[in-house]
mmCIF file of all heavy atoms, coordinates in Angstrom:
data_MODEL
# 
_entry.id   MODEL 
# 
loop_
_atom_site.group_PDB 
_atom_site.id 
_atom_site.type_symbol 
_atom_site.label_atom_id 
_atom_site.label_alt_id 
_atom_site.label_comp_id 
_atom_site.label_asym_id 
_atom_site.label_entity_id 
_atom_site.label_seq_id 
_atom_site.pdbx_PDB_ins_code 
_atom_site.Cartn_x 
_atom_site.Cartn_y 
_atom_site.Cartn_z 
_atom_site.occupancy 
_atom_site.B_iso_or_equiv 
_atom_site.pdbx_formal_charge 
_atom_site.auth_seq_id 
_atom_site.auth_comp_id 
_atom_site.auth_asym_id 
_atom_site.auth_atom_id 
_atom_site.pdbx_PDB_model_num 
ATOM 1   N N   . MET A 1 1  ? 72.089 -20.577 97.936  1.00 0.00 ? 1  MET A N   1 
ATOM 2   C CA  . MET A 1 1  ? 71.692 -21.424 96.832  1.00 0.00 ? 1  MET A CA  1 
ATOM 3   C C   . MET A 1 1  ? 72.732 -22.523 96.653  1.00 0.00 ? 1  MET A C   1 
ATOM 4   O O   . MET A 1 1  ? 73.920 -22.282 96.812  1.00 0.00 ? 1  MET A O   1 
ATOM 5   C CB  . MET A 1 1  ? 71.590 -20.607 95.552  1.00 0.00 ? 1  MET A CB  1 
ATOM 6   C CG  . MET A 1 1  ? 71.074 -21.458 94.405  1.00 0.00 ? 1  MET A CG  1 
ATOM 7   S SD  . MET A 1 1  ? 71.093 -20.610 92.832  1.00 0.00 ? 1  MET A SD  1 
ATOM 8   C CE  . MET A 1 1  ? 72.733 -20.971 92.314  1.00 0.00 ? 1  MET A CE  1 
ATOM 9   N N   . VAL A 1 2  ? 72.258 -23.703 96.331  1.00 0.00 ? 2  VAL A N   1 
ATOM 10  C CA  . VAL A 1 2  ? 73.151 -24.846 96.109  1.00 0.00 ? 2  VAL A CA  1 
ATOM 11  C C   . VAL A 1 2  ? 72.863 -25.414 94.734  1.00 0.00 ? 2  VAL A C   1 
ATOM 12  O O   . VAL A 1 2  ? 71.717 -25.710 94.401  1.00 0.00 ? 2  VAL A O   1 
ATOM 13  C CB  . VAL A 1 2  ? 72.930 -25.944 97.179  1.00 0.00 ? 2  VAL A CB  1 
ATOM 14  C CG1 . VAL A 1 2  ? 73.765 -27.171 96.876  1.00 0.00 ? 2  VAL A CG1 1 
ATOM 15  C CG2 . VAL A 1 2  ? 73.226 -25.398 98.569  1.00 0.00 ? 2  VAL A CG2 1 
ATOM 16  N N   . ARG A 1 3  ? 73.895 -25.552 93.934  1.00 0.00 ? 3  ARG A N   1 
ATOM 17  C CA  . ARG A 1 3  ? 73.778 -26.274 92.665  1.00 0.00 ? 3  ARG A CA  1 
ATOM 18  C C   . ARG A 1 3  ? 74.290 -27.671 92.961  1.00 0.00 ? 3  ARG A C   1 
ATOM 19  O O   . ARG A 1 3  ? 75.421 -27.855 93.374  1.00 0.00 ? 3  ARG A O   1 
ATOM 20  C CB  . ARG A 1 3  ? 74.596 -25.609 91.577  1.00 0.00 ? 3  ARG A CB  1 
ATOM 21  C CG  . ARG A 1 3  ? 74.052 -24.264 91.209  1.00 0.00 ? 3  ARG A CG  1 
ATOM 22  C CD  . ARG A 1 3  ? 74.579 -23.814 89.869  1.00 0.00 ? 3  ARG A CD  1 
ATOM 23  N NE  . ARG A 1 3  ? 74.315 -22.408 89.657  1.00 0.00 ? 3  ARG A NE  1 
ATOM 24  C CZ  . ARG A 1 3  ? 73.182 -21.916 89.184  1.00 0.00 ? 3  ARG A CZ  1 
ATOM 25  N NH1 . ARG A 1 3  ? 72.196 -22.725 88.885  1.00 0.00 ? 3  ARG A NH1 1 
ATOM 26  N NH2 . ARG A 1 3  ? 73.027 -20.625 89.013  1.00 0.00 ? 3  ARG A NH2 1 
ATOM 27  N N   . THR A 1 4  ? 73.438 -28.639 92.745  1.00 0.00 ? 4  THR A N   1 
ATOM 28  C CA  . THR A 1 4  ? 73.703 -29.988 93.221  1.00 0.00 ? 4  THR A CA  1 
ATOM 29  C C   . THR A 1 4  ? 74.801 -30.714 92.446  1.00 0.00 ? 4  THR A C   1 
ATOM 30  O O   . THR A 1 4  ? 74.967 -30.518 91.252  1.00 0.00 ? 4  THR A O   1 
ATOM 31  C CB  . THR A 1 4  ? 72.399 -30.816 93.228  1.00 0.00 ? 4  THR A CB  1 
ATOM 32  O OG1 . THR A 1 4  ? 72.639 -32.030 93.932  1.00 0.00 ? 4  THR A OG1 1 
ATOM 33  C CG2 . THR A 1 4  ? 71.917 -31.132 91.829  1.00 0.00 ? 4  THR A CG2 1 
ATOM 34  N N   . GLY A 1 5  ? 75.524 -31.535 93.166  1.00 0.00 ? 5  GLY A N   1 
ATOM 35  C CA  . GLY A 1 5  ? 76.407 -32.547 92.617  1.00 0.00 ? 5  GLY A CA  1 
ATOM 36  C C   . GLY A 1 5  ? 75.828 -33.866 93.077  1.00 0.00 ? 5  GLY A C   1 
ATOM 37  O O   . GLY A 1 5  ? 74.764 -33.892 93.697  1.00 0.00 ? 5  GLY A O   1 
ATOM 38  N N   . ASN A 1 6  ? 76.480 -34.967 92.821  1.00 0.00 ? 6  ASN A N   1 
ATOM 39  C CA  . ASN A 1 6  ? 75.969 -36.276 93.232  1.00 0.00 ? 6  ASN A CA  1 
ATOM 40  C C   . ASN A 1 6  ? 76.978 -37.013 94.081  1.00 0.00 ? 6  ASN A C   1 
ATOM 41  O O   . ASN A 1 6  ? 78.181 -36.808 93.952  1.00 0.00 ? 6  ASN A O   1 
ATOM 42  C CB  . ASN A 1 6  ? 75.647 -37.136 92.001  1.00 0.00 ? 6  ASN A CB  1 
ATOM 43  C CG  . ASN A 1 6  ? 74.490 -36.585 91.210  1.00 0.00 ? 6  ASN A CG  1 
ATOM 44  O OD1 . ASN A 1 6  ? 73.519 -36.124 91.767  1.00 0.00 ? 6  ASN A OD1 1 
ATOM 45  N ND2 . ASN A 1 6  ? 74.608 -36.614 89.892  1.00 0.00 ? 6  ASN A ND2 1 
ATOM 46  N N   . TYR A 1 7  ? 76.481 -37.891 94.947  1.00 0.00 ? 7  TYR A N   1 
ATOM 47  C CA  . TYR A 1 7  ? 77.341 -38.780 95.717  1.00 0.00 ? 7  TYR A CA  1 
ATOM 48  C C   . TYR A 1 7  ? 76.591 -40.075 95.989  1.00 0.00 ? 7  TYR A C   1 
ATOM 49  O O   . TYR A 1 7  ? 75.359 -40.103 96.016  1.00 0.00 ? 7  TYR A O   1 
ATOM 50  C CB  . TYR A 1 7  ? 77.831 -38.136 97.016  1.00 0.00 ? 7  TYR A CB  1 
ATOM 51  C CG  . TYR A 1 7  ? 76.741 -37.882 98.050  1.00 0.00 ? 7  TYR A CG  1 
ATOM 52  C CD1 . TYR A 1 7  ? 76.443 -38.831 99.029  1.00 0.00 ? 7  TYR A CD1 1 
ATOM 53  C CD2 . TYR A 1 7  ? 76.016 -36.698 98.052  1.00 0.00 ? 7  TYR A CD2 1 
ATOM 54  C CE1 . TYR A 1 7  ? 75.466 -38.600 99.968  1.00 0.00 ? 7  TYR A CE1 1 
ATOM 55  C CE2 . TYR A 1 7  ? 75.031 -36.462 98.988  1.00 0.00 ? 7  TYR A CE2 1 
ATOM 56  C CZ  . TYR A 1 7  ? 74.763 -37.418 99.946  1.00 0.00 ? 7  TYR A CZ  1 
ATOM 57  O OH  . TYR A 1 7  ? 73.776 -37.192 100.879 1.00 0.00 ? 7  TYR A OH  1 
ATOM 58  N N   . GLN A 1 8  ? 77.354 -41.146 96.167  1.00 0.00 ? 8  GLN A N   1 
ATOM 59  C CA  . GLN A 1 8  ? 76.807 -42.456 96.510  1.00 0.00 ? 8  GLN A CA  1 
ATOM 60  C C   . GLN A 1 8  ? 76.586 -42.495 98.016  1.00 0.00 ? 8  GLN A C   1 
ATOM 61  O O   . GLN A 1 8  ? 77.530 -42.290 98.774  1.00 0.00 ? 8  GLN A O   1 
ATOM 62  C CB  . GLN A 1 8  ? 77.777 -43.562 96.093  1.00 0.00 ? 8  GLN A CB  1 
ATOM 63  C CG  . GLN A 1 8  ? 77.350 -44.959 96.475  1.00 0.00 ? 8  GLN A CG  1 
ATOM 64  C CD  . GLN A 1 8  ? 76.267 -45.523 95.587  1.00 0.00 ? 8  GLN A CD  1 
ATOM 65  O OE1 . GLN A 1 8  ? 76.267 -45.293 94.389  1.00 0.00 ? 8  GLN A OE1 1 
ATOM 66  N NE2 . GLN A 1 8  ? 75.352 -46.268 96.160  1.00 0.00 ? 8  GLN A NE2 1 
ATOM 67  N N   . GLY A 1 9  ? 75.351 -42.734 98.454  1.00 0.00 ? 9  GLY A N   1 
ATOM 68  C CA  . GLY A 1 9  ? 75.072 -42.851 99.881  1.00 0.00 ? 9  GLY A CA  1 
ATOM 69  C C   . GLY A 1 9  ? 75.592 -44.174 100.424 1.00 0.00 ? 9  GLY A C   1 
ATOM 70  O O   . GLY A 1 9  ? 75.554 -45.190 99.722  1.00 0.00 ? 9  GLY A O   1 
ATOM 71  N N   . VAL A 1 10 ? 76.073 -44.183 101.665 1.00 0.00 ? 10 VAL A N   1 
ATOM 72  C CA  . VAL A 1 10 ? 76.554 -45.435 102.253 1.00 0.00 ? 10 VAL A CA  1 
ATOM 73  C C   . VAL A 1 10 ? 75.437 -46.458 102.348 1.00 0.00 ? 10 VAL A C   1 
ATOM 74  O O   . VAL A 1 10 ? 75.684 -47.657 102.328 1.00 0.00 ? 10 VAL A O   1 
ATOM 75  C CB  . VAL A 1 10 ? 77.212 -45.224 103.647 1.00 0.00 ? 10 VAL A CB  1 
ATOM 76  C CG1 . VAL A 1 10 ? 78.441 -44.363 103.548 1.00 0.00 ? 10 VAL A CG1 1 
ATOM 77  C CG2 . VAL A 1 10 ? 76.230 -44.666 104.652 1.00 0.00 ? 10 VAL A CG2 1 
ATOM 78  N N   . GLN A 1 11 ? 74.185 -45.978 102.436 1.00 0.00 ? 11 GLN A N   1 
ATOM 79  C CA  . GLN A 1 11 ? 73.034 -46.863 102.513 1.00 0.00 ? 11 GLN A CA  1 
ATOM 80  C C   . GLN A 1 11 ? 72.510 -47.255 101.141 1.00 0.00 ? 11 GLN A C   1 
ATOM 81  O O   . GLN A 1 11 ? 71.584 -48.030 101.026 1.00 0.00 ? 11 GLN A O   1 
ATOM 82  C CB  . GLN A 1 11 ? 71.933 -46.219 103.358 1.00 0.00 ? 11 GLN A CB  1 
ATOM 83  C CG  . GLN A 1 11 ? 71.251 -45.023 102.713 1.00 0.00 ? 11 GLN A CG  1 
ATOM 84  C CD  . GLN A 1 11 ? 71.928 -43.690 102.996 1.00 0.00 ? 11 GLN A CD  1 
ATOM 85  O OE1 . GLN A 1 11 ? 73.141 -43.570 102.939 1.00 0.00 ? 11 GLN A OE1 1 
ATOM 86  N NE2 . GLN A 1 11 ? 71.131 -42.677 103.287 1.00 0.00 ? 11 GLN A NE2 1 
ATOM 87  N N   . GLY A 1 12 ? 73.124 -46.749 100.078 1.00 0.00 ? 12 GLY A N   1 
ATOM 88  C CA  . GLY A 1 12 ? 72.708 -47.056 98.715  1.00 0.00 ? 12 GLY A CA  1 
ATOM 89  C C   . GLY A 1 12 ? 72.013 -45.884 98.067  1.00 0.00 ? 12 GLY A C   1 
ATOM 90  O O   . GLY A 1 12 ? 71.535 -44.970 98.729  1.00 0.00 ? 12 GLY A O   1 
ATOM 91  N N   . GLY A 1 13 ? 71.985 -45.876 96.753  1.00 0.00 ? 13 GLY A N   1 
ATOM 92  C CA  . GLY A 1 13 ? 71.335 -44.818 96.003  1.00 0.00 ? 13 GLY A CA  1 
ATOM 93  C C   . GLY A 1 13 ? 72.294 -43.684 95.672  1.00 0.00 ? 13 GLY A C   1 
ATOM 94  O O   . GLY A 1 13 ? 73.339 -43.525 96.293  1.00 0.00 ? 13 GLY A O   1 
ATOM 95  N N   . ILE A 1 14 ? 71.916 -42.915 94.665  1.00 0.00 ? 14 ILE A N   1 
ATOM 96  C CA  . ILE A 1 14 ? 72.682 -41.748 94.249  1.00 0.00 ? 14 ILE A CA  1 
ATOM 97  C C   . ILE A 1 14 ? 71.944 -40.512 94.753  1.00 0.00 ? 14 ILE A C   1 
ATOM 98  O O   . ILE A 1 14 ? 70.797 -40.269 94.380  1.00 0.00 ? 14 ILE A O   1 
ATOM 99  C CB  . ILE A 1 14 ? 72.829 -41.684 92.711  1.00 0.00 ? 14 ILE A CB  1 
ATOM 100 C CG1 . ILE A 1 14 ? 73.451 -42.973 92.170  1.00 0.00 ? 14 ILE A CG1 1 
ATOM 101 C CG2 . ILE A 1 14 ? 73.640 -40.455 92.306  1.00 0.00 ? 14 ILE A CG2 1 
ATOM 102 C CD1 . ILE A 1 14 ? 74.849 -43.254 92.654  1.00 0.00 ? 14 ILE A CD1 1 
ATOM 103 N N   . PHE A 1 15 ? 72.604 -39.754 95.610  1.00 0.00 ? 15 PHE A N   1 
ATOM 104 C CA  . PHE A 1 15 ? 72.016 -38.566 96.201  1.00 0.00 ? 15 PHE A CA  1 
ATOM 105 C C   . PHE A 1 15 ? 72.494 -37.314 95.487  1.00 0.00 ? 15 PHE A C   1 
ATOM 106 O O   . PHE A 1 15 ? 73.672 -37.203 95.139  1.00 0.00 ? 15 PHE A O   1 
ATOM 107 C CB  . PHE A 1 15 ? 72.402 -38.452 97.682  1.00 0.00 ? 15 PHE A CB  1 
ATOM 108 C CG  . PHE A 1 15 ? 71.691 -39.426 98.573  1.00 0.00 ? 15 PHE A CG  1 
ATOM 109 C CD1 . PHE A 1 15 ? 72.158 -40.719 98.720  1.00 0.00 ? 15 PHE A CD1 1 
ATOM 110 C CD2 . PHE A 1 15 ? 70.554 -39.048 99.265  1.00 0.00 ? 15 PHE A CD2 1 
ATOM 111 C CE1 . PHE A 1 15 ? 71.503 -41.625 99.536  1.00 0.00 ? 15 PHE A CE1 1 
ATOM 112 C CE2 . PHE A 1 15 ? 69.896 -39.944 100.080 1.00 0.00 ? 15 PHE A CE2 1 
ATOM 113 C CZ  . PHE A 1 15 ? 70.367 -41.236 100.223 1.00 0.00 ? 15 PHE A CZ  1 
ATOM 114 N N   . GLY A 1 16 ? 71.583 -36.374 95.294  1.00 0.00 ? 16 GLY A N   1 
ATOM 115 C CA  . GLY A 1 16 ? 71.947 -35.030 94.879  1.00 0.00 ? 16 GLY A CA  1 
ATOM 116 C C   . GLY A 1 16 ? 72.337 -34.270 96.126  1.00 0.00 ? 16 GLY A C   1 
ATOM 117 O O   . GLY A 1 16 ? 71.577 -34.239 97.094  1.00 0.00 ? 16 GLY A O   1 
ATOM 118 N N   . ALA A 1 17 ? 73.534 -33.711 96.139  1.00 0.00 ? 17 ALA A N   1 
ATOM 119 C CA  . ALA A 1 17 ? 74.036 -32.999 97.322  1.00 0.00 ? 17 ALA A CA  1 
ATOM 120 C C   . ALA A 1 17 ? 73.270 -31.694 97.485  1.00 0.00 ? 17 ALA A C   1 
ATOM 121 O O   . ALA A 1 17 ? 73.701 -30.646 97.033  1.00 0.00 ? 17 ALA A O   1 
ATOM 122 C CB  . ALA A 1 17 ? 75.528 -32.759 97.196  1.00 0.00 ? 17 ALA A CB  1 
ATOM 123 N N   . GLY A 1 18 ? 72.122 -31.757 98.108  1.00 0.00 ? 18 GLY A N   1 
ATOM 124 C CA  . GLY A 1 18 ? 71.241 -30.600 98.271  1.00 0.00 ? 18 GLY A CA  1 
ATOM 125 C C   . GLY A 1 18 ? 71.623 -29.749 99.455  1.00 0.00 ? 18 GLY A C   1 
ATOM 126 O O   . GLY A 1 18 ? 72.769 -29.334 99.605  1.00 0.00 ? 18 GLY A O   1 
ATOM 127 N N   . ILE A 1 19 ? 70.679 -29.517 100.336 1.00 0.00 ? 19 ILE A N   1 
ATOM 128 C CA  . ILE A 1 19 ? 70.886 -28.673 101.506 1.00 0.00 ? 19 ILE A CA  1 
ATOM 129 C C   . ILE A 1 19 ? 71.376 -29.524 102.675 1.00 0.00 ? 19 ILE A C   1 
ATOM 130 O O   . ILE A 1 19 ? 70.748 -30.512 103.036 1.00 0.00 ? 19 ILE A O   1 
ATOM 131 C CB  . ILE A 1 19 ? 69.570 -27.956 101.900 1.00 0.00 ? 19 ILE A CB  1 
ATOM 132 C CG1 . ILE A 1 19 ? 69.034 -27.125 100.740 1.00 0.00 ? 19 ILE A CG1 1 
ATOM 133 C CG2 . ILE A 1 19 ? 69.762 -27.124 103.163 1.00 0.00 ? 19 ILE A CG2 1 
ATOM 134 C CD1 . ILE A 1 19 ? 69.946 -26.004 100.282 1.00 0.00 ? 19 ILE A CD1 1 
ATOM 135 N N   . SER A 1 20 ? 72.502 -29.143 103.252 1.00 0.00 ? 20 SER A N   1 
ATOM 136 C CA  . SER A 1 20 ? 73.063 -29.844 104.402 1.00 0.00 ? 20 SER A CA  1 
ATOM 137 C C   . SER A 1 20 ? 73.976 -28.879 105.157 1.00 0.00 ? 20 SER A C   1 
ATOM 138 O O   . SER A 1 20 ? 74.180 -27.739 104.731 1.00 0.00 ? 20 SER A O   1 
ATOM 139 C CB  . SER A 1 20 ? 73.874 -31.068 103.948 1.00 0.00 ? 20 SER A CB  1 
ATOM 140 O OG  . SER A 1 20 ? 75.036 -30.647 103.240 1.00 0.00 ? 20 SER A OG  1 
ATOM 141 N N   . ALA A 1 21 ? 74.545 -29.352 106.245 1.00 0.00 ? 21 ALA A N   1 
ATOM 142 C CA  . ALA A 1 21 ? 75.521 -28.534 106.970 1.00 0.00 ? 21 ALA A CA  1 
ATOM 143 C C   . ALA A 1 21 ? 76.704 -28.202 106.073 1.00 0.00 ? 21 ALA A C   1 
ATOM 144 O O   . ALA A 1 21 ? 77.201 -27.078 106.068 1.00 0.00 ? 21 ALA A O   1 
ATOM 145 C CB  . ALA A 1 21 ? 75.989 -29.273 108.223 1.00 0.00 ? 21 ALA A CB  1 
ATOM 146 N N   . GLN A 1 22 ? 77.120 -29.184 105.283 1.00 0.00 ? 22 GLN A N   1 
ATOM 147 C CA  . GLN A 1 22 ? 78.290 -29.009 104.447 1.00 0.00 ? 22 GLN A CA  1 
ATOM 148 C C   . GLN A 1 22 ? 78.040 -28.062 103.271 1.00 0.00 ? 22 GLN A C   1 
ATOM 149 O O   . GLN A 1 22 ? 78.899 -27.259 102.920 1.00 0.00 ? 22 GLN A O   1 
ATOM 150 C CB  . GLN A 1 22 ? 78.783 -30.360 103.911 1.00 0.00 ? 22 GLN A CB  1 
ATOM 151 C CG  . GLN A 1 22 ? 79.308 -31.298 104.976 1.00 0.00 ? 22 GLN A CG  1 
ATOM 152 C CD  . GLN A 1 22 ? 78.218 -31.961 105.815 1.00 0.00 ? 22 GLN A CD  1 
ATOM 153 O OE1 . GLN A 1 22 ? 77.058 -32.042 105.428 1.00 0.00 ? 22 GLN A OE1 1 
ATOM 154 N NE2 . GLN A 1 22 ? 78.604 -32.431 107.002 1.00 0.00 ? 22 GLN A NE2 1 
ATOM 155 N N   . SER A 1 23 ? 76.864 -28.145 102.659 1.00 0.00 ? 23 SER A N   1 
ATOM 156 C CA  . SER A 1 23 ? 76.616 -27.353 101.443 1.00 0.00 ? 23 SER A CA  1 
ATOM 157 C C   . SER A 1 23 ? 76.048 -25.968 101.720 1.00 0.00 ? 23 SER A C   1 
ATOM 158 O O   . SER A 1 23 ? 76.261 -25.046 100.936 1.00 0.00 ? 23 SER A O   1 
ATOM 159 C CB  . SER A 1 23 ? 75.661 -28.104 100.508 1.00 0.00 ? 23 SER A CB  1 
ATOM 160 O OG  . SER A 1 23 ? 74.362 -28.168 101.082 1.00 0.00 ? 23 SER A OG  1 
ATOM 161 N N   . ALA A 1 24 ? 75.298 -25.828 102.820 1.00 0.00 ? 24 ALA A N   1 
ATOM 162 C CA  . ALA A 1 24 ? 74.586 -24.569 103.037 1.00 0.00 ? 24 ALA A CA  1 
ATOM 163 C C   . ALA A 1 24 ? 74.651 -24.068 104.481 1.00 0.00 ? 24 ALA A C   1 
ATOM 164 O O   . ALA A 1 24 ? 74.012 -23.076 104.808 1.00 0.00 ? 24 ALA A O   1 
ATOM 165 C CB  . ALA A 1 24 ? 73.121 -24.739 102.628 1.00 0.00 ? 24 ALA A CB  1 
ATOM 166 N N   . GLY A 1 25 ? 75.371 -24.776 105.341 1.00 0.00 ? 25 GLY A N   1 
ATOM 167 C CA  . GLY A 1 25 ? 75.444 -24.365 106.735 1.00 0.00 ? 25 GLY A CA  1 
ATOM 168 C C   . GLY A 1 25 ? 74.198 -24.686 107.536 1.00 0.00 ? 25 GLY A C   1 
ATOM 169 O O   . GLY A 1 25 ? 73.968 -24.114 108.606 1.00 0.00 ? 25 GLY A O   1 
ATOM 170 N N   . ALA A 1 26 ? 73.366 -25.618 107.035 1.00 0.00 ? 26 ALA A N   1 
ATOM 171 C CA  . ALA A 1 26 ? 72.143 -26.007 107.758 1.00 0.00 ? 26 ALA A CA  1 
ATOM 172 C C   . ALA A 1 26 ? 72.501 -26.526 109.151 1.00 0.00 ? 26 ALA A C   1 
ATOM 173 O O   . ALA A 1 26 ? 73.511 -27.201 109.326 1.00 0.00 ? 26 ALA A O   1 
ATOM 174 C CB  . ALA A 1 26 ? 71.381 -27.065 106.977 1.00 0.00 ? 26 ALA A CB  1 
ATOM 175 N N   . GLU A 1 27 ? 71.659 -26.217 110.122 1.00 0.00 ? 27 GLU A N   1 
ATOM 176 C CA  . GLU A 1 27 ? 71.921 -26.622 111.499 1.00 0.00 ? 27 GLU A CA  1 
ATOM 177 C C   . GLU A 1 27 ? 71.032 -27.744 111.999 1.00 0.00 ? 27 GLU A C   1 
ATOM 178 O O   . GLU A 1 27 ? 71.395 -28.445 112.931 1.00 0.00 ? 27 GLU A O   1 
ATOM 179 C CB  . GLU A 1 27 ? 71.780 -25.412 112.421 1.00 0.00 ? 27 GLU A CB  1 
ATOM 180 C CG  . GLU A 1 27 ? 72.818 -24.339 112.132 1.00 0.00 ? 27 GLU A CG  1 
ATOM 181 C CD  . GLU A 1 27 ? 72.680 -23.132 113.039 1.00 0.00 ? 27 GLU A CD  1 
ATOM 182 O OE1 . GLU A 1 27 ? 71.889 -23.187 114.011 1.00 0.00 ? 27 GLU A OE1 1 
ATOM 183 O OE2 . GLU A 1 27 ? 73.354 -22.127 112.774 1.00 0.00 ? 27 GLU A OE2 1 
# 
């Protein structure tokens, strides 16, 4: 389970840090 934080994407917009390799070990 991931409780989201936020980050500014290099391409623009505010992203919720959802599921990724960094947050959940997604491959």
